N, C-alpha and C. Protein backbone atom coordinates (compact mmCIF):
# COMPACT_ATOMS: atom_id res chain seq x y z
N UNK A 1 94.23 113.50 128.95
CA UNK A 1 95.62 113.49 129.33
C UNK A 1 95.98 112.16 130.02
N UNK A 2 95.06 111.68 130.86
CA UNK A 2 95.33 110.43 131.58
C UNK A 2 95.45 109.26 130.61
N UNK A 3 94.58 109.22 129.60
CA UNK A 3 94.62 108.09 128.68
C UNK A 3 95.83 108.17 127.75
N UNK A 4 96.27 109.37 127.39
CA UNK A 4 97.50 109.47 126.61
C UNK A 4 98.69 109.05 127.45
N UNK A 5 98.65 109.36 128.75
CA UNK A 5 99.73 108.92 129.63
C UNK A 5 99.72 107.40 129.76
N UNK A 6 98.51 106.82 129.82
CA UNK A 6 98.40 105.36 129.83
C UNK A 6 98.94 104.76 128.54
N UNK A 7 98.63 105.41 127.42
CA UNK A 7 99.14 104.93 126.14
C UNK A 7 100.66 105.01 126.10
N UNK A 8 101.22 106.06 126.70
CA UNK A 8 102.68 106.18 126.74
C UNK A 8 103.29 104.98 127.46
N UNK A 9 102.68 104.56 128.56
CA UNK A 9 103.17 103.39 129.28
C UNK A 9 103.12 102.13 128.45
N UNK A 10 102.01 101.96 127.70
CA UNK A 10 101.88 100.78 126.84
C UNK A 10 102.89 100.85 125.70
N UNK A 11 103.10 102.06 125.16
CA UNK A 11 104.08 102.22 124.09
C UNK A 11 105.49 101.88 124.58
N UNK A 12 105.83 102.30 125.80
CA UNK A 12 107.14 101.99 126.37
C UNK A 12 107.30 100.48 126.53
N UNK A 13 106.23 99.83 127.01
CA UNK A 13 106.28 98.37 127.16
C UNK A 13 106.45 97.69 125.81
N UNK A 14 105.76 98.21 124.79
CA UNK A 14 105.91 97.65 123.45
C UNK A 14 107.31 97.82 122.91
N UNK A 15 107.89 99.01 123.12
CA UNK A 15 109.25 99.26 122.67
C UNK A 15 110.25 98.36 123.39
N UNK A 16 110.03 98.14 124.68
CA UNK A 16 110.92 97.26 125.44
C UNK A 16 110.89 95.84 124.91
N UNK A 17 109.74 95.44 124.35
CA UNK A 17 109.65 94.10 123.79
C UNK A 17 110.14 94.00 122.36
N UNK A 18 109.95 95.07 121.58
CA UNK A 18 110.28 95.01 120.16
C UNK A 18 111.72 95.40 119.84
N UNK A 19 112.27 96.35 120.60
CA UNK A 19 113.54 96.95 120.20
C UNK A 19 114.79 96.12 120.51
N UNK A 20 114.81 95.22 121.50
CA UNK A 20 116.04 94.44 121.71
C UNK A 20 116.41 93.56 120.52
N UNK A 21 115.42 93.09 119.76
CA UNK A 21 115.69 92.21 118.61
C UNK A 21 115.46 92.99 117.32
N UNK A 22 116.53 93.42 116.69
CA UNK A 22 116.44 94.18 115.43
C UNK A 22 117.08 93.38 114.30
N UNK A 23 116.78 92.08 114.27
CA UNK A 23 117.44 91.19 113.32
C UNK A 23 116.88 91.30 111.91
N UNK A 24 115.66 91.80 111.74
CA UNK A 24 115.09 91.89 110.41
C UNK A 24 114.37 93.23 110.24
N UNK A 25 113.92 93.48 109.03
CA UNK A 25 113.30 94.77 108.69
C UNK A 25 112.00 95.01 109.44
N UNK A 26 111.07 94.02 109.53
CA UNK A 26 109.84 94.26 110.29
C UNK A 26 110.10 94.62 111.76
N UNK A 27 111.13 94.00 112.37
CA UNK A 27 111.45 94.32 113.76
C UNK A 27 111.94 95.75 113.89
N UNK A 28 112.75 96.19 112.93
CA UNK A 28 113.24 97.56 112.96
C UNK A 28 112.09 98.55 112.79
N UNK A 29 111.18 98.26 111.86
CA UNK A 29 110.03 99.14 111.64
C UNK A 29 109.14 99.19 112.88
N UNK A 30 108.94 98.03 113.51
CA UNK A 30 108.12 97.99 114.71
C UNK A 30 108.73 98.78 115.85
N UNK A 31 110.03 98.65 116.04
CA UNK A 31 110.72 99.40 117.09
C UNK A 31 110.63 100.90 116.82
N UNK A 32 110.85 101.30 115.58
CA UNK A 32 110.79 102.72 115.23
C UNK A 32 109.39 103.27 115.47
N UNK A 33 108.36 102.50 115.10
CA UNK A 33 106.99 102.92 115.34
C UNK A 33 106.72 103.08 116.84
N UNK A 34 107.23 102.14 117.63
CA UNK A 34 107.05 102.23 119.09
C UNK A 34 107.69 103.49 119.66
N UNK A 35 108.88 103.81 119.19
CA UNK A 35 109.58 104.99 119.71
C UNK A 35 108.83 106.27 119.35
N UNK A 36 108.34 106.36 118.12
CA UNK A 36 107.52 107.52 117.76
C UNK A 36 106.24 107.56 118.57
N UNK A 37 105.70 106.38 118.89
CA UNK A 37 104.50 106.32 119.71
C UNK A 37 104.74 106.85 121.12
N UNK A 38 105.90 106.53 121.68
CA UNK A 38 106.25 107.05 123.00
C UNK A 38 106.33 108.58 122.96
N UNK A 39 107.00 109.10 121.91
CA UNK A 39 107.15 110.55 121.79
C UNK A 39 105.79 111.24 121.66
N UNK A 40 104.95 110.74 120.75
CA UNK A 40 103.67 111.41 120.54
C UNK A 40 102.76 111.31 121.76
N UNK A 41 102.85 110.22 122.50
CA UNK A 41 102.01 110.08 123.69
C UNK A 41 102.36 111.11 124.75
N UNK A 42 103.64 111.28 125.01
CA UNK A 42 104.06 112.25 126.02
C UNK A 42 103.79 113.69 125.56
N UNK A 43 104.04 113.96 124.27
CA UNK A 43 103.80 115.32 123.76
C UNK A 43 102.31 115.65 123.81
N UNK A 44 101.47 114.71 123.39
CA UNK A 44 100.02 114.95 123.43
C UNK A 44 99.51 115.06 124.86
N UNK A 45 100.12 114.33 125.78
CA UNK A 45 99.76 114.49 127.19
C UNK A 45 100.03 115.92 127.65
N UNK A 46 101.21 116.43 127.29
CA UNK A 46 101.54 117.81 127.64
C UNK A 46 100.60 118.81 127.01
N UNK A 47 100.19 118.55 125.76
CA UNK A 47 99.28 119.46 125.08
C UNK A 47 97.92 119.52 125.78
N UNK A 48 97.42 118.38 126.20
CA UNK A 48 96.13 118.35 126.88
C UNK A 48 96.22 119.00 128.26
N UNK A 49 97.33 118.80 128.95
CA UNK A 49 97.50 119.44 130.25
C UNK A 49 97.56 120.96 130.08
N UNK A 50 98.25 121.43 129.04
CA UNK A 50 98.30 122.87 128.77
C UNK A 50 96.91 123.41 128.47
N UNK A 51 96.11 122.63 127.76
CA UNK A 51 94.76 123.06 127.44
C UNK A 51 93.87 123.17 128.67
N UNK A 52 94.17 122.40 129.71
CA UNK A 52 93.36 122.46 130.93
C UNK A 52 93.43 123.83 131.60
N UNK A 53 94.52 124.57 131.38
CA UNK A 53 94.68 125.87 132.03
C UNK A 53 93.53 126.80 131.65
N UNK A 54 93.11 126.74 130.39
CA UNK A 54 91.98 127.57 129.95
C UNK A 54 90.65 126.87 130.19
N UNK A 55 90.58 125.58 129.90
CA UNK A 55 89.31 124.88 129.99
C UNK A 55 88.79 124.77 131.42
N UNK A 56 89.68 124.76 132.39
CA UNK A 56 89.27 124.64 133.78
C UNK A 56 89.26 125.99 134.49
N UNK A 57 89.24 127.07 133.73
CA UNK A 57 89.23 128.40 134.30
C UNK A 57 88.15 129.24 133.63
N UNK A 58 87.72 130.28 134.30
CA UNK A 58 86.74 131.19 133.72
C UNK A 58 87.38 132.19 132.77
N UNK A 59 88.71 132.27 132.80
CA UNK A 59 89.44 133.21 131.95
C UNK A 59 90.29 132.44 130.94
N UNK A 60 90.44 133.01 129.76
CA UNK A 60 91.26 132.39 128.72
C UNK A 60 92.72 132.75 128.93
N UNK A 61 93.58 131.74 128.83
CA UNK A 61 95.02 131.95 128.94
C UNK A 61 95.63 131.73 127.55
N UNK A 62 95.99 132.85 126.90
CA UNK A 62 96.47 132.79 125.53
C UNK A 62 97.78 132.01 125.42
N UNK A 63 98.68 132.21 126.37
CA UNK A 63 99.96 131.51 126.34
C UNK A 63 99.77 129.99 126.44
N UNK A 64 98.88 129.58 127.34
CA UNK A 64 98.62 128.14 127.49
C UNK A 64 97.95 127.57 126.24
N UNK A 65 97.03 128.33 125.66
CA UNK A 65 96.37 127.86 124.44
C UNK A 65 97.36 127.74 123.29
N UNK A 66 98.27 128.70 123.19
CA UNK A 66 99.29 128.65 122.13
C UNK A 66 100.21 127.45 122.34
N UNK A 67 100.61 127.23 123.59
CA UNK A 67 101.47 126.07 123.90
C UNK A 67 100.76 124.77 123.56
N UNK A 68 99.49 124.68 123.91
CA UNK A 68 98.71 123.46 123.61
C UNK A 68 98.61 123.24 122.11
N UNK A 69 98.40 124.31 121.34
CA UNK A 69 98.28 124.18 119.89
C UNK A 69 99.59 123.71 119.26
N UNK A 70 100.70 124.27 119.71
CA UNK A 70 102.01 123.88 119.16
C UNK A 70 102.34 122.43 119.52
N UNK A 71 102.09 122.06 120.77
CA UNK A 71 102.38 120.69 121.18
C UNK A 71 101.46 119.70 120.47
N UNK A 72 100.23 120.10 120.22
CA UNK A 72 99.31 119.23 119.47
C UNK A 72 99.83 119.00 118.06
N UNK A 73 100.33 120.07 117.44
CA UNK A 73 100.90 119.93 116.09
C UNK A 73 102.09 118.98 116.09
N UNK A 74 103.00 119.17 117.05
CA UNK A 74 104.17 118.29 117.14
C UNK A 74 103.75 116.85 117.41
N UNK A 75 102.78 116.68 118.33
CA UNK A 75 102.30 115.34 118.63
C UNK A 75 101.65 114.67 117.44
N UNK A 76 100.90 115.44 116.65
CA UNK A 76 100.24 114.89 115.46
C UNK A 76 101.27 114.45 114.42
N UNK A 77 102.34 115.24 114.27
CA UNK A 77 103.40 114.86 113.33
C UNK A 77 104.07 113.56 113.78
N UNK A 78 104.36 113.48 115.09
CA UNK A 78 104.97 112.26 115.61
C UNK A 78 104.03 111.07 115.45
N UNK A 79 102.74 111.30 115.65
CA UNK A 79 101.75 110.23 115.49
C UNK A 79 101.68 109.78 114.04
N UNK A 80 101.84 110.73 113.12
CA UNK A 80 101.88 110.36 111.70
C UNK A 80 103.07 109.48 111.37
N UNK A 81 104.25 109.80 111.93
CA UNK A 81 105.42 108.95 111.72
C UNK A 81 105.19 107.56 112.32
N UNK A 82 104.57 107.53 113.51
CA UNK A 82 104.28 106.23 114.13
C UNK A 82 103.39 105.38 113.23
N UNK A 83 102.32 106.00 112.72
CA UNK A 83 101.40 105.26 111.85
C UNK A 83 102.09 104.82 110.56
N UNK A 84 102.95 105.68 110.01
CA UNK A 84 103.64 105.32 108.78
C UNK A 84 104.56 104.13 108.94
N UNK A 85 105.40 104.15 109.98
CA UNK A 85 106.31 103.03 110.20
C UNK A 85 105.54 101.76 110.58
N UNK A 86 104.47 101.93 111.34
CA UNK A 86 103.68 100.76 111.74
C UNK A 86 103.01 100.11 110.53
N UNK A 87 102.41 100.92 109.67
CA UNK A 87 101.73 100.37 108.49
C UNK A 87 102.73 99.75 107.52
N UNK A 88 103.94 100.33 107.43
CA UNK A 88 104.96 99.75 106.55
C UNK A 88 105.36 98.36 106.99
N UNK A 89 105.29 98.12 108.31
CA UNK A 89 105.69 96.81 108.82
C UNK A 89 104.57 95.82 108.92
N UNK A 90 103.33 96.29 109.11
CA UNK A 90 102.22 95.37 109.36
C UNK A 90 101.30 95.15 108.17
N UNK A 91 101.11 96.17 107.34
CA UNK A 91 100.11 96.06 106.28
C UNK A 91 100.54 95.14 105.14
N UNK A 92 101.85 94.94 104.97
CA UNK A 92 102.31 94.10 103.87
C UNK A 92 102.48 92.64 104.26
N UNK A 93 102.55 92.36 105.58
CA UNK A 93 102.81 90.97 106.00
C UNK A 93 101.69 90.01 105.61
N UNK A 94 100.39 90.35 105.85
CA UNK A 94 99.35 89.39 105.46
C UNK A 94 99.32 89.15 103.96
N UNK A 95 99.46 90.22 103.16
CA UNK A 95 99.41 90.05 101.72
C UNK A 95 100.58 89.22 101.22
N UNK A 96 101.76 89.41 101.82
CA UNK A 96 102.92 88.63 101.41
C UNK A 96 102.73 87.15 101.73
N UNK A 97 102.14 86.87 102.90
CA UNK A 97 101.90 85.48 103.28
C UNK A 97 100.90 84.81 102.33
N UNK A 98 99.83 85.53 101.99
CA UNK A 98 98.82 84.98 101.08
C UNK A 98 99.41 84.78 99.70
N UNK A 99 100.16 85.76 99.19
CA UNK A 99 100.75 85.64 97.87
C UNK A 99 101.74 84.48 97.79
N UNK A 100 102.51 84.30 98.86
CA UNK A 100 103.47 83.19 98.87
C UNK A 100 102.74 81.85 98.84
N UNK A 101 101.64 81.75 99.60
CA UNK A 101 100.87 80.50 99.60
C UNK A 101 100.23 80.22 98.27
N UNK A 102 99.69 81.26 97.63
CA UNK A 102 99.06 81.08 96.32
C UNK A 102 100.10 80.67 95.28
N UNK A 103 101.28 81.29 95.35
CA UNK A 103 102.34 80.93 94.41
C UNK A 103 102.73 79.46 94.56
N UNK A 104 102.81 78.99 95.80
CA UNK A 104 103.14 77.59 96.04
C UNK A 104 102.04 76.68 95.51
N UNK A 105 100.77 77.07 95.67
CA UNK A 105 99.68 76.26 95.14
C UNK A 105 99.73 76.20 93.62
N UNK A 106 100.05 77.33 92.98
CA UNK A 106 100.16 77.33 91.53
C UNK A 106 101.24 76.35 91.07
N UNK A 107 102.36 76.35 91.79
CA UNK A 107 103.45 75.44 91.44
C UNK A 107 103.03 73.99 91.57
N UNK A 108 102.29 73.68 92.66
CA UNK A 108 101.88 72.29 92.89
C UNK A 108 100.77 71.86 91.94
N UNK A 109 99.85 72.77 91.62
CA UNK A 109 98.74 72.41 90.74
C UNK A 109 99.20 72.18 89.31
N UNK A 110 100.13 73.00 88.85
CA UNK A 110 100.61 72.85 87.49
C UNK A 110 99.65 73.44 86.48
N UNK A 111 100.06 73.49 85.20
CA UNK A 111 99.23 74.12 84.17
C UNK A 111 97.92 73.39 83.93
N UNK A 112 97.83 72.09 84.23
CA UNK A 112 96.59 71.36 83.96
C UNK A 112 95.46 71.78 84.86
N UNK A 113 95.77 72.41 85.96
CA UNK A 113 94.75 72.77 86.93
C UNK A 113 94.43 74.26 86.90
N UNK A 114 94.82 74.94 85.82
CA UNK A 114 94.61 76.39 85.81
C UNK A 114 93.14 76.76 85.83
N UNK A 115 92.28 75.88 85.34
CA UNK A 115 90.84 76.20 85.34
C UNK A 115 90.26 76.29 86.73
N UNK A 116 90.85 75.58 87.69
CA UNK A 116 90.34 75.61 89.07
C UNK A 116 91.17 76.50 89.97
N UNK A 117 92.07 77.29 89.37
CA UNK A 117 92.99 78.07 90.18
C UNK A 117 92.29 79.16 90.96
N UNK A 118 91.31 79.82 90.33
CA UNK A 118 90.62 80.90 91.03
C UNK A 118 89.92 80.37 92.27
N UNK A 119 89.26 79.21 92.12
CA UNK A 119 88.61 78.63 93.28
C UNK A 119 89.60 78.19 94.33
N UNK A 120 90.74 77.67 93.88
CA UNK A 120 91.78 77.27 94.83
C UNK A 120 92.33 78.47 95.58
N UNK A 121 92.48 79.61 94.88
CA UNK A 121 92.92 80.83 95.54
C UNK A 121 91.97 81.22 96.65
N UNK A 122 90.69 81.16 96.36
CA UNK A 122 89.70 81.53 97.37
C UNK A 122 89.75 80.57 98.54
N UNK A 123 89.89 79.27 98.24
CA UNK A 123 89.95 78.29 99.31
C UNK A 123 91.18 78.51 100.19
N UNK A 124 92.31 78.87 99.56
CA UNK A 124 93.52 79.11 100.34
C UNK A 124 93.33 80.30 101.28
N UNK A 125 92.73 81.38 100.76
CA UNK A 125 92.50 82.56 101.60
C UNK A 125 91.58 82.21 102.75
N UNK A 126 90.51 81.44 102.46
CA UNK A 126 89.59 81.04 103.53
C UNK A 126 90.28 80.16 104.56
N UNK A 127 91.11 79.23 104.08
CA UNK A 127 91.83 78.34 104.99
C UNK A 127 92.81 79.12 105.85
N UNK A 128 93.50 80.08 105.23
CA UNK A 128 94.46 80.89 105.98
C UNK A 128 93.78 81.68 107.07
N UNK A 129 92.62 82.26 106.73
CA UNK A 129 91.90 83.07 107.72
C UNK A 129 91.40 82.22 108.88
N UNK A 130 90.83 81.03 108.56
CA UNK A 130 90.32 80.18 109.63
C UNK A 130 91.44 79.63 110.49
N UNK A 131 92.57 79.29 109.87
CA UNK A 131 93.71 78.79 110.64
C UNK A 131 94.26 79.88 111.54
N UNK A 132 94.30 81.11 111.04
CA UNK A 132 94.78 82.22 111.85
C UNK A 132 93.90 82.41 113.07
N UNK A 133 92.58 82.25 112.89
CA UNK A 133 91.67 82.39 114.03
C UNK A 133 91.91 81.28 115.05
N UNK A 134 92.16 80.07 114.56
CA UNK A 134 92.33 78.94 115.48
C UNK A 134 93.64 79.02 116.24
N UNK A 135 94.68 79.53 115.55
CA UNK A 135 96.01 79.52 116.15
C UNK A 135 96.37 80.82 116.84
N UNK A 136 95.40 81.72 117.02
CA UNK A 136 95.69 82.97 117.69
C UNK A 136 96.14 82.69 119.11
N UNK A 137 97.30 83.21 119.54
CA UNK A 137 97.79 82.92 120.88
C UNK A 137 96.94 83.60 121.94
N UNK A 138 97.17 83.20 123.19
CA UNK A 138 96.45 83.82 124.28
C UNK A 138 96.81 85.29 124.39
N UNK A 139 95.88 86.06 124.93
CA UNK A 139 96.08 87.49 125.06
C UNK A 139 97.20 87.76 126.06
N UNK A 140 98.19 88.52 125.66
CA UNK A 140 99.31 88.86 126.52
C UNK A 140 98.96 90.11 127.34
N UNK A 141 99.70 90.38 128.41
CA UNK A 141 99.46 91.62 129.16
C UNK A 141 99.57 92.87 128.30
N UNK A 142 100.49 92.85 127.32
CA UNK A 142 100.61 94.00 126.42
C UNK A 142 99.37 94.15 125.55
N UNK A 143 98.84 93.02 125.05
CA UNK A 143 97.60 93.07 124.27
C UNK A 143 96.44 93.60 125.12
N UNK A 144 96.38 93.16 126.37
CA UNK A 144 95.33 93.64 127.27
C UNK A 144 95.45 95.14 127.50
N UNK A 145 96.69 95.61 127.65
CA UNK A 145 96.90 97.04 127.81
C UNK A 145 96.47 97.82 126.59
N UNK A 146 96.80 97.33 125.40
CA UNK A 146 96.39 98.00 124.18
C UNK A 146 94.88 97.93 124.01
N UNK A 147 94.27 96.83 124.41
CA UNK A 147 92.81 96.71 124.34
C UNK A 147 92.15 97.79 125.18
N UNK A 148 92.68 98.00 126.37
CA UNK A 148 92.16 99.04 127.26
C UNK A 148 92.34 100.42 126.64
N UNK A 149 93.54 100.68 126.12
CA UNK A 149 93.82 101.99 125.52
C UNK A 149 92.94 102.22 124.29
N UNK A 150 92.82 101.20 123.44
CA UNK A 150 92.06 101.36 122.21
C UNK A 150 90.58 101.61 122.47
N UNK A 151 89.97 100.81 123.34
CA UNK A 151 88.54 100.96 123.60
C UNK A 151 88.24 102.29 124.31
N UNK A 152 89.05 102.62 125.30
CA UNK A 152 88.83 103.88 126.02
C UNK A 152 89.06 105.07 125.12
N UNK A 153 90.11 105.05 124.32
CA UNK A 153 90.42 106.17 123.45
C UNK A 153 89.36 106.35 122.37
N UNK A 154 88.81 105.24 121.86
CA UNK A 154 87.75 105.35 120.87
C UNK A 154 86.54 106.08 121.45
N UNK A 155 86.18 105.75 122.68
CA UNK A 155 85.07 106.45 123.32
C UNK A 155 85.36 107.92 123.57
N UNK A 156 86.59 108.20 123.97
CA UNK A 156 86.98 109.59 124.25
C UNK A 156 86.96 110.42 122.98
N UNK A 157 87.51 109.89 121.90
CA UNK A 157 87.52 110.64 120.64
C UNK A 157 86.11 110.79 120.07
N UNK A 158 85.25 109.82 120.32
CA UNK A 158 83.85 109.95 119.88
C UNK A 158 83.19 111.11 120.61
N UNK A 159 83.43 111.19 121.92
CA UNK A 159 82.90 112.32 122.69
C UNK A 159 83.53 113.63 122.24
N UNK A 160 84.84 113.60 121.94
CA UNK A 160 85.52 114.80 121.48
C UNK A 160 84.94 115.28 120.15
N UNK A 161 84.62 114.36 119.26
CA UNK A 161 84.01 114.75 118.00
C UNK A 161 82.68 115.47 118.24
N UNK A 162 81.90 114.96 119.21
CA UNK A 162 80.64 115.62 119.53
C UNK A 162 80.84 117.03 120.06
N UNK A 163 81.87 117.20 120.89
CA UNK A 163 82.17 118.54 121.44
C UNK A 163 82.57 119.49 120.31
N UNK A 164 83.41 119.01 119.40
CA UNK A 164 83.86 119.87 118.30
C UNK A 164 82.70 120.21 117.36
N UNK A 165 81.80 119.26 117.15
CA UNK A 165 80.63 119.55 116.31
C UNK A 165 79.78 120.64 116.96
N UNK A 166 79.61 120.56 118.28
CA UNK A 166 78.85 121.59 118.98
C UNK A 166 79.54 122.95 118.86
N UNK A 167 80.87 122.96 118.97
CA UNK A 167 81.61 124.21 118.82
C UNK A 167 81.46 124.76 117.41
N UNK A 168 81.49 123.87 116.41
CA UNK A 168 81.40 124.30 115.02
C UNK A 168 80.04 124.92 114.70
N UNK A 169 78.98 124.38 115.30
CA UNK A 169 77.64 124.92 115.03
C UNK A 169 77.51 126.37 115.49
N UNK A 170 78.31 126.75 116.48
CA UNK A 170 78.28 128.13 116.96
C UNK A 170 79.40 128.97 116.35
N UNK A 171 80.61 128.40 116.27
CA UNK A 171 81.76 129.19 115.83
C UNK A 171 81.85 129.40 114.35
N UNK A 172 81.20 128.54 113.56
CA UNK A 172 81.31 128.67 112.10
C UNK A 172 80.18 129.49 111.48
N UNK A 173 79.31 130.01 112.29
CA UNK A 173 78.22 130.83 111.74
C UNK A 173 78.70 132.22 111.37
N UNK A 174 79.70 132.72 112.04
CA UNK A 174 80.23 134.05 111.77
C UNK A 174 81.53 133.93 110.98
N UNK A 175 81.50 134.31 109.71
CA UNK A 175 82.66 134.20 108.83
C UNK A 175 83.08 135.58 108.31
N UNK A 176 82.91 136.58 109.14
CA UNK A 176 83.18 137.96 108.70
C UNK A 176 84.66 138.31 108.70
N UNK A 177 85.46 137.66 109.53
CA UNK A 177 86.88 137.98 109.60
C UNK A 177 87.72 136.76 109.27
N UNK A 178 88.98 137.01 108.93
CA UNK A 178 89.90 135.92 108.62
C UNK A 178 90.15 135.05 109.85
N UNK A 179 90.16 135.66 111.03
CA UNK A 179 90.36 134.90 112.27
C UNK A 179 89.22 133.92 112.49
N UNK A 180 87.98 134.38 112.23
CA UNK A 180 86.82 133.50 112.38
C UNK A 180 86.89 132.33 111.39
N UNK A 181 87.30 132.63 110.17
CA UNK A 181 87.42 131.57 109.17
C UNK A 181 88.49 130.55 109.57
N UNK A 182 89.61 131.06 110.09
CA UNK A 182 90.69 130.16 110.51
C UNK A 182 90.24 129.28 111.68
N UNK A 183 89.52 129.87 112.64
CA UNK A 183 89.03 129.10 113.78
C UNK A 183 88.04 128.03 113.34
N UNK A 184 87.17 128.40 112.40
CA UNK A 184 86.20 127.42 111.90
C UNK A 184 86.90 126.28 111.18
N UNK A 185 87.90 126.60 110.36
CA UNK A 185 88.65 125.56 109.64
C UNK A 185 89.36 124.63 110.62
N UNK A 186 89.89 125.22 111.70
CA UNK A 186 90.58 124.41 112.71
C UNK A 186 89.61 123.45 113.39
N UNK A 187 88.41 123.92 113.68
CA UNK A 187 87.41 123.06 114.34
C UNK A 187 86.96 121.95 113.42
N UNK A 188 86.72 122.27 112.16
CA UNK A 188 86.30 121.24 111.19
C UNK A 188 87.40 120.19 111.04
N UNK A 189 88.64 120.64 110.96
CA UNK A 189 89.76 119.70 110.88
C UNK A 189 89.83 118.82 112.12
N UNK A 190 89.56 119.41 113.28
CA UNK A 190 89.56 118.64 114.53
C UNK A 190 88.46 117.58 114.53
N UNK A 191 87.30 117.91 113.93
CA UNK A 191 86.21 116.93 113.85
C UNK A 191 86.64 115.73 113.00
N UNK A 192 87.23 116.02 111.84
CA UNK A 192 87.70 114.95 110.96
C UNK A 192 88.77 114.10 111.66
N UNK A 193 89.68 114.77 112.36
CA UNK A 193 90.71 114.04 113.08
C UNK A 193 90.16 113.16 114.18
N UNK A 194 89.16 113.68 114.91
CA UNK A 194 88.57 112.89 115.99
C UNK A 194 87.86 111.65 115.45
N UNK A 195 87.12 111.81 114.35
CA UNK A 195 86.42 110.67 113.75
C UNK A 195 87.43 109.65 113.22
N UNK A 196 88.51 110.14 112.61
CA UNK A 196 89.55 109.22 112.11
C UNK A 196 90.18 108.45 113.26
N UNK A 197 90.39 109.11 114.39
CA UNK A 197 90.95 108.43 115.55
C UNK A 197 89.99 107.39 116.11
N UNK A 198 88.69 107.68 116.07
CA UNK A 198 87.70 106.70 116.52
C UNK A 198 87.83 105.42 115.69
N UNK A 199 87.88 105.59 114.36
CA UNK A 199 88.00 104.43 113.47
C UNK A 199 89.31 103.68 113.72
N UNK A 200 90.40 104.45 113.89
CA UNK A 200 91.71 103.83 114.11
C UNK A 200 91.74 103.01 115.39
N UNK A 201 91.24 103.59 116.49
CA UNK A 201 91.29 102.88 117.77
C UNK A 201 90.31 101.69 117.79
N UNK A 202 89.17 101.82 117.11
CA UNK A 202 88.25 100.68 117.03
C UNK A 202 88.89 99.53 116.26
N UNK A 203 89.61 99.87 115.19
CA UNK A 203 90.31 98.83 114.43
C UNK A 203 91.36 98.15 115.30
N UNK A 204 92.07 98.94 116.09
CA UNK A 204 93.06 98.37 117.01
C UNK A 204 92.41 97.47 118.05
N UNK A 205 91.25 97.91 118.57
CA UNK A 205 90.54 97.10 119.57
C UNK A 205 90.06 95.79 118.96
N UNK A 206 89.61 95.84 117.70
CA UNK A 206 89.13 94.62 117.04
C UNK A 206 90.26 93.60 116.89
N UNK A 207 91.48 94.09 116.73
CA UNK A 207 92.62 93.19 116.54
C UNK A 207 93.18 92.68 117.88
N UNK A 208 93.13 93.50 118.91
CA UNK A 208 93.81 93.16 120.17
C UNK A 208 92.88 92.62 121.25
N UNK A 209 91.59 92.90 121.11
CA UNK A 209 90.66 92.48 122.16
C UNK A 209 90.05 91.13 121.84
């Protein structure tokens, strides 16, 4: 819950930086992704706090568990929208830049140089990558905040995956009732989700740290 609340703060800071300037499509997509990120962070924080009612007690609280499950579903949907808008704005930018550079090289080389075009394409990609590494700006406070969130969240989700695997080894052995099957399916889905989040946050840390 604490780390989702921390992520909410970073998301708010990101939205404050991205949303005032909506002059182009990538800026609009980035702002929309930030806003969905704020929503999912607060909703998931509430879901985890609701889950504490049962996890920190010797007795199960059905109402709290139901609330946590519903809020988790809502938070996951919001997180999906955040990822969708974010990928729409970020995943196409590098490819567009590379394609534009290659097109310009083709124009300059002309038809006589078509035999060396494949090698030139590779050289351009290598040059672009090395130049990007050299010209990377200094880490901003927002980048540092995301680095903290990404690395900490990756560790938390890795631990969460281990907990869910332990639960699955016990809960999935009994498949006699539909309720048991549903609980097992939910745990397996949670394992997949936790591992996916580990990969996602590690990728974010690799970019921001």
